[in-house]
Amino acid sequence: MAAIPGILLRNVCKTYRSRGSEVVALEGMTLDCPPGSFTALIGPSGCGKSPAMRIALGREDHDSGEVRIAGRAPAPATASGITGVAFQDAALLPWRSVARNIALPLEVLDRDPSRYSHEIAKLIELVGLKGYENALPGQLSGGMRQRVSIARSLITSPEVLFMDEPFGALDQIRRRQMNIELQRIWQETKSTALLVTHGIDEAVFLADYVVVMHANPGRVVEVIEIPFPRPRREEFFGTPDFHAMTDRIARVLHGH
């Protein structure tokens, strides 16, 4: 019996209608992320990356097609706590400590945070913030706030992890450091991961599969497997294999 896909979108269509005009955000989008895999979704602005993620999370309806998250419909999957989410804006509550920000999804799911103190401590250590348990967001750097956001997305031990440009606001050096950290964290958690990104370097470094989308209408044009072994270290960014793969994806992305 075949394994249930971690994330499955099949022939998904989505059209936005406003004041008599229509914009086709997604046309026949199909995406199959195997359990435990890391997939990067890349494409120009307006190609439907973020709507696809919102649909997968059950935050937005689709017009037609099939969507399953670990075998479930999107909204029930999210409501059950099997999905974790990290966005570009860390969106931490400024009056809550690191530990209490991480605990927030537990409260949303009506779980008692005091029963998860061990898990919270482990996540704080996993993301490299041991000693900052009681720090407020205003006392943290941008990269540290994103680490809290990632830890928060993992507190429910999600089967599926969604990330929408989580490092988009960071400079190139910090972004690369966070890519290395995210790879380490993901390898320890074994979640099925879907990353929306504009960065080809980021996609190649992190992903098992890079899904390239084009716009007008939003659609998948190619799925490219990244065959390089893990863990991928910082030196990988400078290798001929890395540059050859980023060049290949750039050609597909720009339609050459």
Protein backbone atom coordinates (compact mmCIF):
# COMPACT_ATOMS: atom_id res chain seq x y z
CA MET A 1 0.00 0.00 0.00
CA ALA A 2 1.38 3.42 -1.02
CA ALA A 3 2.23 5.91 1.69
CA ILE A 4 -0.23 8.77 2.18
CA PRO A 5 1.36 11.93 0.75
CA GLY A 6 2.36 14.53 3.30
CA ILE A 7 0.92 17.27 1.09
CA LEU A 8 -1.24 16.64 -1.96
CA LEU A 9 -2.79 19.20 -4.29
CA ARG A 10 -4.35 17.73 -7.42
CA ASN A 11 -5.66 19.90 -10.27
CA VAL A 12 -6.38 22.77 -7.90
CA CYS A 13 -7.92 25.89 -9.42
CA LYS A 14 -8.51 29.26 -7.77
CA THR A 15 -9.91 32.43 -9.34
CA TYR A 16 -10.34 35.75 -7.57
CA ARG A 17 -13.25 37.91 -8.70
CA SER A 18 -13.53 41.61 -7.93
CA ARG A 19 -15.62 44.38 -9.51
CA GLY A 20 -16.33 42.42 -12.65
CA SER A 21 -12.73 41.31 -13.26
CA GLU A 22 -11.15 37.90 -12.74
CA VAL A 23 -7.61 36.86 -11.83
CA VAL A 24 -6.72 33.18 -12.20
CA ALA A 25 -4.40 32.60 -9.24
CA LEU A 26 -4.03 28.85 -9.77
CA GLU A 27 -4.86 26.74 -12.81
CA GLY A 28 -4.69 22.97 -12.49
CA MET A 29 -1.97 23.02 -9.83
CA THR A 30 -0.72 19.57 -8.84
CA LEU A 31 1.79 19.07 -6.03
CA ASP A 32 2.78 15.84 -4.30
CA CYS A 33 5.13 16.10 -1.31
CA PRO A 34 6.13 12.65 0.03
CA PRO A 35 6.07 12.14 3.80
CA GLY A 36 9.27 13.45 5.41
CA SER A 37 10.37 15.34 2.30
CA PHE A 38 11.36 18.99 1.94
CA THR A 39 9.81 20.81 -1.01
CA ALA A 40 10.51 24.40 -2.07
CA LEU A 41 7.95 26.35 -4.08
CA ILE A 42 9.52 29.08 -6.19
CA GLY A 43 8.21 31.51 -8.76
CA PRO A 44 7.64 35.20 -9.54
CA SER A 45 5.28 37.37 -7.52
CA GLY A 46 1.70 36.65 -8.47
CA CYS A 47 2.25 33.04 -9.50
CA GLY A 48 0.04 31.66 -6.74
CA LYS A 49 2.59 30.40 -4.22
CA SER A 50 0.98 31.99 -1.18
CA PRO A 51 -2.63 31.21 -2.23
CA ALA A 52 -1.58 27.57 -2.64
CA MET A 53 -0.25 27.57 0.90
CA ARG A 54 -3.34 29.27 2.31
CA ILE A 55 -5.51 26.67 0.55
CA ALA A 56 -3.36 23.84 1.93
CA LEU A 57 -3.82 25.29 5.43
CA GLY A 58 -7.57 25.52 5.04
CA ARG A 59 -7.47 29.31 5.37
CA GLU A 60 -8.86 29.82 1.89
CA ASP A 61 -11.23 27.80 -0.29
CA HIS A 62 -10.32 26.51 -3.75
CA ASP A 63 -12.72 26.42 -6.69
CA SER A 64 -11.98 22.87 -7.79
CA GLY A 65 -9.50 20.05 -7.35
CA GLU A 66 -8.40 17.95 -4.40
CA VAL A 67 -6.33 18.93 -1.36
CA ARG A 68 -5.13 16.54 1.35
CA ILE A 69 -2.74 17.16 4.22
CA ALA A 70 -1.43 13.88 5.67
CA GLY A 71 -4.57 12.27 4.24
CA ARG A 72 -6.99 14.82 5.73
CA ALA A 73 -8.88 17.82 4.42
CA PRO A 74 -6.95 21.06 5.09
CA ALA A 75 -9.14 22.71 7.74
CA PRO A 76 -9.46 19.60 9.97
CA ALA A 77 -5.74 18.95 9.57
CA THR A 78 -4.90 22.45 10.80
CA ALA A 79 -7.48 22.30 13.61
CA SER A 80 -6.02 19.02 14.85
CA GLY A 81 -2.53 20.48 15.30
CA ILE A 82 -0.78 18.27 12.72
CA THR A 83 0.38 21.35 10.81
CA GLY A 84 2.90 23.99 11.85
CA VAL A 85 3.31 27.40 10.22
CA ALA A 86 6.11 29.99 10.05
CA PHE A 87 5.77 33.20 8.07
CA GLN A 88 8.12 36.03 7.04
CA ASP A 89 6.74 38.14 9.87
CA ALA A 90 7.59 36.25 13.05
CA ALA A 91 4.43 37.78 14.57
CA LEU A 92 5.53 37.28 18.17
CA LEU A 93 3.43 38.78 20.94
CA PRO A 94 5.68 41.54 22.36
CA TRP A 95 4.50 41.10 25.96
CA ARG A 96 5.19 37.35 26.01
CA SER A 97 8.54 35.72 26.71
CA VAL A 98 10.23 33.37 24.23
CA ALA A 99 8.83 30.35 26.09
CA ARG A 100 5.29 31.76 26.26
CA ASN A 101 5.33 32.70 22.55
CA ILE A 102 6.31 29.15 21.69
CA ALA A 103 3.44 27.86 23.85
CA LEU A 104 0.80 29.92 22.03
CA PRO A 105 -0.38 27.19 19.57
CA LEU A 106 -1.02 24.89 22.54
CA GLU A 107 -3.44 27.43 24.01
CA VAL A 108 -5.18 27.82 20.64
CA LEU A 109 -5.69 24.05 20.59
CA ASP A 110 -6.95 24.08 24.21
CA ARG A 111 -3.93 22.23 25.54
CA ASP A 112 -2.35 23.03 28.89
CA PRO A 113 1.09 24.59 28.24
CA SER A 114 2.32 23.54 31.69
CA ARG A 115 2.22 19.92 30.51
CA TYR A 116 4.61 20.79 27.66
CA SER A 117 7.39 22.49 29.62
CA HIS A 118 9.88 19.75 28.68
CA GLU A 119 9.00 20.02 24.98
CA ILE A 120 9.27 23.82 25.07
CA ALA A 121 12.71 23.61 26.70
CA LYS A 122 13.86 21.07 24.09
CA LEU A 123 12.70 23.31 21.24
CA ILE A 124 14.41 26.35 22.71
CA GLU A 125 17.63 24.37 22.79
CA LEU A 126 17.01 22.95 19.30
CA VAL A 127 16.76 26.41 17.75
CA GLY A 128 19.81 27.66 19.64
CA LEU A 129 18.09 29.98 22.12
CA LYS A 130 18.92 28.32 25.42
CA GLY A 131 19.29 31.05 28.02
CA TYR A 132 16.74 33.29 26.31
CA GLU A 133 13.65 31.52 27.67
CA ASN A 134 12.41 34.63 29.48
CA ALA A 135 13.54 37.23 26.95
CA LEU A 136 10.93 39.41 25.27
CA PRO A 137 10.83 39.77 21.46
CA GLY A 138 12.11 43.34 21.67
CA GLN A 139 15.32 42.01 23.22
CA LEU A 140 16.00 39.66 20.28
CA SER A 141 17.57 40.15 16.86
CA GLY A 142 15.56 39.48 13.70
CA GLY A 143 17.17 36.08 13.23
CA MET A 144 16.47 35.13 16.84
CA ARG A 145 12.81 36.12 16.48
CA GLN A 146 12.54 33.87 13.42
CA ARG A 147 14.01 31.01 15.46
CA VAL A 148 11.26 31.55 18.04
CA SER A 149 8.71 31.49 15.21
CA ILE A 150 10.09 28.18 13.94
CA ALA A 151 10.10 26.70 17.44
CA ARG A 152 6.50 27.83 17.86
CA SER A 153 5.58 26.10 14.59
CA LEU A 154 7.04 22.85 15.94
CA ILE A 155 5.51 22.77 19.43
CA THR A 156 2.58 20.55 18.39
CA SER A 157 5.03 18.03 16.81
CA PRO A 158 3.45 18.66 13.39
CA GLU A 159 3.50 16.07 10.66
CA VAL A 160 3.53 18.89 8.10
CA LEU A 161 5.43 22.18 8.33
CA PHE A 162 4.52 25.17 6.14
CA MET A 163 6.92 28.10 5.77
CA ASP A 164 6.21 31.23 3.73
CA GLU A 165 9.41 33.25 3.19
CA PRO A 166 10.48 32.80 6.84
CA PHE A 167 13.86 34.47 6.25
CA GLY A 168 12.81 37.00 3.62
CA ALA A 169 13.46 39.99 5.88
CA LEU A 170 17.00 38.92 6.81
CA ASP A 171 20.21 40.00 5.11
CA GLN A 172 22.07 37.51 2.92
CA ILE A 173 24.58 36.44 5.57
CA ARG A 174 21.97 35.83 8.28
CA ARG A 175 19.66 34.17 5.78
CA ARG A 176 22.35 31.67 4.84
CA GLN A 177 23.06 30.96 8.50
CA MET A 178 19.35 30.37 9.08
CA ASN A 179 19.19 28.03 6.07
CA ILE A 180 21.87 25.89 7.70
CA GLU A 181 20.01 25.97 11.02
CA LEU A 182 16.67 25.15 9.40
CA GLN A 183 18.15 22.11 7.66
CA ARG A 184 19.46 20.85 10.99
CA ILE A 185 16.14 21.43 12.75
CA TRP A 186 14.11 19.81 9.97
CA GLN A 187 16.36 16.72 9.91
CA GLU A 188 15.70 16.25 13.62
CA THR A 189 11.93 16.69 13.38
CA LYS A 190 11.25 14.60 10.22
CA SER A 191 8.22 16.71 9.30
CA THR A 192 7.04 17.02 5.71
CA ALA A 193 8.11 20.58 4.85
CA LEU A 194 6.84 23.02 2.23
CA LEU A 195 8.78 26.27 1.84
CA VAL A 196 7.63 29.23 -0.25
CA THR A 197 10.65 31.26 -1.29
CA HIS A 198 11.95 33.72 -3.89
CA GLY A 199 15.53 32.54 -3.30
CA ILE A 200 16.92 29.97 -5.73
CA ASP A 201 20.00 29.47 -3.51
CA GLU A 202 17.75 28.81 -0.51
CA ALA A 203 15.60 26.36 -2.45
CA VAL A 204 18.55 24.33 -3.74
CA PHE A 205 20.27 24.21 -0.35
CA LEU A 206 17.21 23.12 1.62
CA ALA A 207 14.97 21.10 -0.67
CA ASP A 208 14.61 17.57 -1.96
CA TYR A 209 12.33 18.93 -4.69
CA VAL A 210 12.05 22.41 -6.18
CA VAL A 211 8.67 23.18 -7.73
CA VAL A 212 8.92 26.01 -10.27
CA MET A 213 5.80 28.06 -10.96
CA HIS A 214 4.91 30.61 -13.61
CA ALA A 215 2.25 33.32 -13.40
CA ASN A 216 -0.79 34.41 -15.42
CA PRO A 217 -2.21 31.92 -14.70
CA GLY A 218 -0.41 30.46 -11.67
CA ARG A 219 0.76 26.97 -12.58
CA VAL A 220 3.52 24.44 -12.01
CA VAL A 221 5.91 24.24 -14.96
CA GLU A 222 8.53 21.82 -13.63
CA VAL A 223 9.43 19.77 -10.56
CA ILE A 224 13.21 19.43 -10.17
CA GLU A 225 14.72 16.85 -7.83
CA ILE A 226 17.76 17.99 -5.84
CA PRO A 227 19.93 14.86 -5.62
CA PHE A 228 22.70 16.07 -3.31
CA PRO A 229 23.30 14.24 -0.01
CA ARG A 230 22.63 15.64 3.44
CA PRO A 231 23.67 17.27 5.58
CA ARG A 232 24.55 20.03 3.14
CA ARG A 233 27.21 22.21 4.67
CA GLU A 234 28.08 25.86 4.08
CA GLU A 235 30.79 24.84 1.60
CA PHE A 236 28.07 23.41 -0.65
CA PHE A 237 27.09 26.95 -1.67
CA GLY A 238 30.42 27.31 -3.50
CA THR A 239 30.49 24.01 -5.38
CA PRO A 240 30.10 23.58 -9.18
CA ASP A 241 27.15 21.22 -8.56
CA PHE A 242 25.34 23.89 -6.57
CA HIS A 243 25.88 26.55 -9.21
CA ALA A 244 24.88 24.24 -12.04
CA MET A 245 21.61 23.45 -10.27
CA THR A 246 20.81 27.09 -9.47
CA ASP A 247 21.50 27.98 -13.12
CA ARG A 248 19.16 25.21 -14.29
CA ILE A 249 16.36 26.41 -12.03
CA ALA A 250 16.91 30.03 -13.10
CA ARG A 251 16.48 29.02 -16.76
CA VAL A 252 13.19 27.28 -15.99
CA LEU A 253 12.04 30.15 -13.78
CA HIS A 254 12.69 32.73 -16.49
CA GLY A 255 11.32 30.57 -19.28
CA HIS A 256 14.56 29.93 -21.18
